[in-house]
Amino acid sequence: MKAEEFVSSSNVSAFILAALALVVTASIAGGYMNLVSGLTLVVNLLMALILLSINARLGTKAAKKR
């Protein structure tokens, strides 16, 4: 499965929900600082996914031009 397909599919919303659920449970267990670091982790993962999708799109465009 390509990164672009993964990003465009409904997997991303499920992934985000799972990550948020993890963050919430961790924050309940460990307090406020865990919530903050967990949210930054989720944001970082989202940025990585977005960059992967952009990379995949640029790669397919470059391949089509050749």
C-alpha atoms as a PDB file:
ATOM      1  CA  MET A   1       0.000   0.000   0.000  1.00  0.00           C
ATOM      2  CA  LYS A   2       1.421   3.346  -1.081  1.00  0.00           C
ATOM      3  CA  ALA A   3       1.643   6.303   1.284  1.00  0.00           C
ATOM      4  CA  GLU A   4      -0.685   8.357  -0.931  1.00  0.00           C
ATOM      5  CA  GLU A   5      -3.391   5.666  -0.834  1.00  0.00           C
ATOM      6  CA  PHE A   6      -3.013   5.421   2.939  1.00  0.00           C
ATOM      7  CA  VAL A   7      -3.319   9.156   3.410  1.00  0.00           C
ATOM      8  CA  SER A   8      -6.321   9.525   1.118  1.00  0.00           C
ATOM      9  CA  SER A   9      -8.213   6.585   2.643  1.00  0.00           C
ATOM     10  CA  SER A  10     -10.290   6.503   5.798  1.00  0.00           C
ATOM     11  CA  ASN A  11      -7.360   4.876   7.614  1.00  0.00           C
ATOM     12  CA  VAL A  12      -6.118   8.320   8.585  1.00  0.00           C
ATOM     13  CA  SER A  13      -9.245   9.274  10.513  1.00  0.00           C
ATOM     14  CA  ALA A  14      -9.194   5.936  12.333  1.00  0.00           C
ATOM     15  CA  PHE A  15      -5.483   6.431  13.043  1.00  0.00           C
ATOM     16  CA  ILE A  16      -6.099   9.914  14.441  1.00  0.00           C
ATOM     17  CA  LEU A  17      -8.945   8.671  16.641  1.00  0.00           C
ATOM     18  CA  ALA A  18      -6.806   5.828  17.987  1.00  0.00           C
ATOM     19  CA  ALA A  19      -3.912   8.201  18.674  1.00  0.00           C
ATOM     20  CA  LEU A  20      -6.198  10.660  20.462  1.00  0.00           C
ATOM     21  CA  ALA A  21      -7.699   7.857  22.555  1.00  0.00           C
ATOM     22  CA  LEU A  22      -4.174   6.802  23.529  1.00  0.00           C
ATOM     23  CA  VAL A  23      -3.300  10.378  24.463  1.00  0.00           C
ATOM     24  CA  VAL A  24      -6.426  10.768  26.593  1.00  0.00           C
ATOM     25  CA  THR A  25      -5.855   7.508  28.484  1.00  0.00           C
ATOM     26  CA  ALA A  26      -2.192   8.400  29.031  1.00  0.00           C
ATOM     27  CA  SER A  27      -3.145  11.843  30.333  1.00  0.00           C
ATOM     28  CA  ILE A  28      -5.667  10.352  32.754  1.00  0.00           C
ATOM     29  CA  ALA A  29      -2.974   7.986  34.006  1.00  0.00           C
ATOM     30  CA  GLY A  30      -0.103  10.470  34.173  1.00  0.00           C
ATOM     31  CA  GLY A  31      -1.478  13.973  34.369  1.00  0.00           C
ATOM     32  CA  TYR A  32      -1.111  17.191  32.422  1.00  0.00           C
ATOM     33  CA  MET A  33       2.447  16.858  31.080  1.00  0.00           C
ATOM     34  CA  ASN A  34       1.631  13.532  29.445  1.00  0.00           C
ATOM     35  CA  LEU A  35      -1.304  15.171  27.678  1.00  0.00           C
ATOM     36  CA  VAL A  36       0.927  17.905  26.253  1.00  0.00           C
ATOM     37  CA  SER A  37       3.669  15.531  25.079  1.00  0.00           C
ATOM     38  CA  GLY A  38       1.064  13.141  23.691  1.00  0.00           C
ATOM     39  CA  LEU A  39      -0.586  15.879  21.670  1.00  0.00           C
ATOM     40  CA  THR A  40       2.778  16.991  20.284  1.00  0.00           C
ATOM     41  CA  LEU A  41       3.424  13.372  19.286  1.00  0.00           C
ATOM     42  CA  VAL A  42       0.092  13.202  17.448  1.00  0.00           C
ATOM     43  CA  VAL A  43       0.843  16.482  15.661  1.00  0.00           C
ATOM     44  CA  ASN A  44       4.291  15.209  14.654  1.00  0.00           C
ATOM     45  CA  LEU A  45       2.798  11.983  13.292  1.00  0.00           C
ATOM     46  CA  LEU A  46       0.243  13.971  11.301  1.00  0.00           C
ATOM     47  CA  MET A  47       2.979  16.180   9.847  1.00  0.00           C
ATOM     48  CA  ALA A  48       4.937  13.076   8.862  1.00  0.00           C
ATOM     49  CA  LEU A  49       1.869  11.620   7.114  1.00  0.00           C
ATOM     50  CA  ILE A  50       1.219  14.882   5.261  1.00  0.00           C
ATOM     51  CA  LEU A  51       4.853  15.085   4.136  1.00  0.00           C
ATOM     52  CA  LEU A  52       4.712  11.452   2.988  1.00  0.00           C
ATOM     53  CA  SER A  53       1.616  12.144   0.899  1.00  0.00           C
ATOM     54  CA  ILE A  54       3.198  15.243  -0.656  1.00  0.00           C
ATOM     55  CA  ASN A  55       6.333  13.237  -1.442  1.00  0.00           C
ATOM     56  CA  ALA A  56       4.275  10.469  -3.032  1.00  0.00           C
ATOM     57  CA  ARG A  57       2.339  12.948  -5.179  1.00  0.00           C
ATOM     58  CA  LEU A  58       5.505  14.724  -6.338  1.00  0.00           C
ATOM     59  CA  GLY A  59       7.133  11.372  -7.073  1.00  0.00           C
ATOM     60  CA  THR A  60       4.241  10.200  -9.250  1.00  0.00           C
ATOM     61  CA  LYS A  61       4.180  13.532 -11.123  1.00  0.00           C
ATOM     62  CA  ALA A  62       7.920  13.315 -11.792  1.00  0.00           C
ATOM     63  CA  ALA A  63       7.579   9.711 -12.949  1.00  0.00           C
ATOM     64  CA  LYS A  64       4.785  10.654 -15.374  1.00  0.00           C
ATOM     65  CA  LYS A  65       6.895  13.420 -16.934  1.00  0.00           C
ATOM     66  CA  ARG A  66       9.760  11.050 -17.739  1.00  0.00           C
END
